[in-house]
Amino acid sequence: MEERNNLTYLQALKELEVLAQKIENPETPLENIAEEVKKALDLINFCKEQIKGYREETESLLK
């Protein structure tokens, strides 16, 4: 995963899609699933932070 400082929202979404495919793939070794889930949760939290920031910025512009 790219460093979070250089990661964009769209890049994070793309990485989440790839991770979801890996997690859902029955060929993925069970040992790897936990690590993939951790990465996915990190990306989800990153996306939530981005959305929160954009929402707050938009709300301040509309005041």
C-alpha atoms as a PDB file:
ATOM      1  CA  MET A   1       0.000   0.000   0.000  1.00  0.00           C
ATOM      2  CA  GLU A   2       1.210   3.501  -0.780  1.00  0.00           C
ATOM      3  CA  GLU A   3       2.122   5.754   2.082  1.00  0.00           C
ATOM      4  CA  ARG A   4      -0.958   7.519   3.338  1.00  0.00           C
ATOM      5  CA  ASN A   5       0.609  10.939   2.733  1.00  0.00           C
ATOM      6  CA  ASN A   6       0.656  10.299  -1.013  1.00  0.00           C
ATOM      7  CA  LEU A   7      -2.541   8.283  -1.206  1.00  0.00           C
ATOM      8  CA  THR A   8      -5.660   9.787  -2.753  1.00  0.00           C
ATOM      9  CA  TYR A   9      -9.221   8.806  -2.022  1.00  0.00           C
ATOM     10  CA  LEU A  10      -9.632   7.196  -5.451  1.00  0.00           C
ATOM     11  CA  GLN A  11      -6.389   5.238  -5.086  1.00  0.00           C
ATOM     12  CA  ALA A  12      -7.575   3.961  -1.712  1.00  0.00           C
ATOM     13  CA  LEU A  13     -10.874   2.846  -3.253  1.00  0.00           C
ATOM     14  CA  LYS A  14      -9.029   0.991  -6.005  1.00  0.00           C
ATOM     15  CA  GLU A  15      -6.825  -0.745  -3.447  1.00  0.00           C
ATOM     16  CA  LEU A  16      -9.923  -1.687  -1.457  1.00  0.00           C
ATOM     17  CA  GLU A  17     -11.435  -3.278  -4.561  1.00  0.00           C
ATOM     18  CA  VAL A  18      -8.283  -5.349  -5.098  1.00  0.00           C
ATOM     19  CA  LEU A  19      -8.211  -6.404  -1.443  1.00  0.00           C
ATOM     20  CA  ALA A  20     -11.891  -7.367  -1.540  1.00  0.00           C
ATOM     21  CA  GLN A  21     -11.214  -9.595  -4.540  1.00  0.00           C
ATOM     22  CA  LYS A  22      -8.309 -11.252  -2.723  1.00  0.00           C
ATOM     23  CA  ILE A  23     -10.357 -11.784   0.434  1.00  0.00           C
ATOM     24  CA  GLU A  24     -13.297 -13.224  -1.501  1.00  0.00           C
ATOM     25  CA  ASN A  25     -11.102 -15.482  -3.629  1.00  0.00           C
ATOM     26  CA  PRO A  26     -11.266 -19.082  -2.337  1.00  0.00           C
ATOM     27  CA  GLU A  27      -7.697 -19.591  -3.611  1.00  0.00           C
ATOM     28  CA  THR A  28      -6.298 -17.010  -1.177  1.00  0.00           C
ATOM     29  CA  PRO A  29      -4.516 -18.806   1.666  1.00  0.00           C
ATOM     30  CA  LEU A  30      -6.280 -18.426   4.990  1.00  0.00           C
ATOM     31  CA  GLU A  31      -3.045 -17.161   6.548  1.00  0.00           C
ATOM     32  CA  ASN A  32      -3.129 -14.135   4.225  1.00  0.00           C
ATOM     33  CA  ILE A  33      -6.741 -13.193   4.895  1.00  0.00           C
ATOM     34  CA  ALA A  34      -6.072 -11.549   8.277  1.00  0.00           C
ATOM     35  CA  GLU A  35      -3.356  -9.321   6.815  1.00  0.00           C
ATOM     36  CA  GLU A  36      -5.562  -8.353   3.863  1.00  0.00           C
ATOM     37  CA  VAL A  37      -8.416  -7.493   6.242  1.00  0.00           C
ATOM     38  CA  LYS A  38      -6.071  -5.297   8.310  1.00  0.00           C
ATOM     39  CA  LYS A  39      -4.993  -3.451   5.171  1.00  0.00           C
ATOM     40  CA  ALA A  40      -8.626  -3.043   4.121  1.00  0.00           C
ATOM     41  CA  LEU A  41      -9.602  -1.640   7.525  1.00  0.00           C
ATOM     42  CA  ASP A  42      -6.741   0.847   7.345  1.00  0.00           C
ATOM     43  CA  LEU A  43      -7.909   1.974   3.911  1.00  0.00           C
ATOM     44  CA  ILE A  44     -11.517   2.220   5.084  1.00  0.00           C
ATOM     45  CA  ASN A  45     -10.452   4.442   7.974  1.00  0.00           C
ATOM     46  CA  PHE A  46      -8.404   6.572   5.574  1.00  0.00           C
ATOM     47  CA  CYS A  47     -11.439   6.991   3.301  1.00  0.00           C
ATOM     48  CA  LYS A  48     -13.657   7.898   6.258  1.00  0.00           C
ATOM     49  CA  GLU A  49     -11.148  10.566   7.324  1.00  0.00           C
ATOM     50  CA  GLN A  50     -11.067  11.954   3.795  1.00  0.00           C
ATOM     51  CA  ILE A  51     -14.864  12.108   3.562  1.00  0.00           C
ATOM     52  CA  LYS A  52     -15.085  13.784   6.974  1.00  0.00           C
ATOM     53  CA  GLY A  53     -12.540  16.397   5.910  1.00  0.00           C
ATOM     54  CA  TYR A  54     -14.339  17.108   2.649  1.00  0.00           C
ATOM     55  CA  ARG A  55     -17.683  17.340   4.446  1.00  0.00           C
ATOM     56  CA  GLU A  56     -16.307  19.777   7.015  1.00  0.00           C
ATOM     57  CA  GLU A  57     -14.692  21.872   4.280  1.00  0.00           C
ATOM     58  CA  THR A  58     -17.927  21.953   2.285  1.00  0.00           C
ATOM     59  CA  GLU A  59     -20.000  22.879   5.335  1.00  0.00           C
ATOM     60  CA  SER A  60     -17.638  25.751   6.166  1.00  0.00           C
ATOM     61  CA  LEU A  61     -17.906  27.041   2.598  1.00  0.00           C
ATOM     62  CA  LEU A  62     -21.696  26.991   2.763  1.00  0.00           C
ATOM     63  CA  LYS A  63     -21.865  29.077   5.966  1.00  0.00           C
END
